[in-house]
Amino acid sequence: EHTPYSPDMNPIEELWSILKGRINPEAYATREEFVQGLKDLWNGIDQQLIQKIITSMHDRCLEVIKQKGQATRWLQISNITFE
C-alpha cells in the first residue's frame, strides 16, 4: 500500500516550495498585494528550472520503481532550487 500523495513525484509541489521560499507574506499590506506578489514571482520562474523539474520526472519514476514505492533521494532534494 502506497500513499497517493508524494511531493517528490509532483512537480508543482517543487515549484510551490520554491515560491514559498522566495515570498515574505509580511512584506504585503493587503491580501491583494500578496496575491500580486505571488503572481509576479510565479511569472518570473525561470523556464529552464521548470524544464529541469519536468525532465527529472522520468528519473524520479524509475527511482520509485527501484525503491518499490519507498522514499527516494528526490524526496530529500525536492526543496532545492536549480538556479
Protein backbone atom coordinates (compact mmCIF):
# COMPACT_ATOMS: atom_id res chain seq x y z
CA GLU A 1 0.00 0.00 0.00
CA HIS A 2 1.49 3.31 -1.08
CA THR A 3 0.45 6.83 -0.35
CA PRO A 4 -1.37 8.54 -3.25
CA TYR A 5 0.43 11.78 -2.44
CA SER A 6 4.17 12.14 -2.71
CA PRO A 7 5.66 15.63 -3.11
CA ASP A 8 8.80 14.26 -4.76
CA MET A 9 6.62 12.91 -7.58
CA ASN A 10 4.61 16.08 -8.04
CA PRO A 11 6.42 18.83 -10.00
CA ILE A 12 4.00 21.55 -8.90
CA GLU A 13 4.91 20.88 -5.26
CA GLU A 14 8.53 21.65 -6.03
CA LEU A 15 7.55 24.91 -7.72
CA TRP A 16 5.32 25.88 -4.78
CA SER A 17 8.20 25.13 -2.43
CA ILE A 18 10.41 27.49 -4.41
CA LEU A 19 7.77 30.23 -4.30
CA LYS A 20 7.28 29.78 -0.56
CA GLY A 21 11.00 30.23 -0.08
CA ARG A 22 11.03 33.46 -2.05
CA ILE A 23 7.97 35.28 -0.77
CA ASN A 24 7.60 37.08 2.54
CA PRO A 25 3.89 37.43 3.37
CA GLU A 26 4.70 40.05 6.00
CA ALA A 27 6.01 42.38 3.27
CA TYR A 28 2.48 42.93 1.92
CA ALA A 29 -0.13 45.18 3.50
CA THR A 30 -3.14 43.54 1.87
CA ARG A 31 -4.17 40.16 0.56
CA GLU A 32 -4.42 41.63 -2.93
CA GLU A 33 -0.81 42.86 -2.78
CA PHE A 34 0.29 39.43 -1.57
CA VAL A 35 -1.55 37.69 -4.42
CA GLN A 36 0.01 40.08 -6.93
CA GLY A 37 3.46 39.45 -5.44
CA LEU A 38 2.89 35.72 -5.73
CA LYS A 39 1.78 36.12 -9.36
CA ASP A 40 4.88 38.19 -10.11
CA LEU A 41 7.12 35.51 -8.60
CA TRP A 42 5.27 32.78 -10.50
CA ASN A 43 5.69 34.63 -13.78
CA GLY A 44 9.37 35.14 -13.00
CA ILE A 45 10.22 31.46 -12.57
CA ASP A 46 12.97 30.57 -14.99
CA GLN A 47 11.69 28.32 -17.76
CA GLN A 48 14.91 26.31 -17.63
CA LEU A 49 14.16 25.48 -14.00
CA ILE A 50 10.69 24.27 -14.95
CA GLN A 51 12.17 22.19 -17.76
CA LYS A 52 14.73 20.62 -15.39
CA ILE A 53 11.99 19.65 -12.97
CA ILE A 54 9.85 18.14 -15.73
CA THR A 55 12.81 16.33 -17.29
CA SER A 56 13.70 14.82 -13.92
CA MET A 57 10.32 13.09 -13.69
CA HIS A 58 11.45 10.11 -15.77
CA ASP A 59 14.35 9.50 -13.38
CA ARG A 60 12.06 10.01 -10.40
CA CYS A 61 9.63 7.38 -11.69
CA LEU A 62 12.45 4.92 -12.25
CA GLU A 63 13.72 5.56 -8.72
CA VAL A 64 10.27 4.91 -7.23
CA ILE A 65 10.13 1.59 -9.09
CA LYS A 66 13.64 0.71 -7.92
CA GLN A 67 12.75 1.59 -4.32
CA LYS A 68 9.45 -0.32 -4.58
CA GLY A 69 7.46 2.76 -3.65
CA GLN A 70 9.60 3.74 -0.68
CA ALA A 71 11.26 7.13 -0.18
CA THR A 72 13.70 8.18 -2.87
CA ARG A 73 16.58 10.61 -2.98
CA TRP A 74 14.23 13.01 -4.78
CA LEU A 75 12.21 13.46 -1.61
CA GLN A 76 15.28 14.81 0.17
CA ILE A 77 16.17 17.25 -2.63
CA SER A 78 12.68 18.29 -3.68
CA ASN A 79 13.10 21.65 -1.94
CA ILE A 80 16.37 22.53 -3.67
CA THR A 81 16.29 25.07 -6.48
CA PHE A 82 18.28 24.51 -9.65
CA GLU A 83 19.41 28.06 -10.31
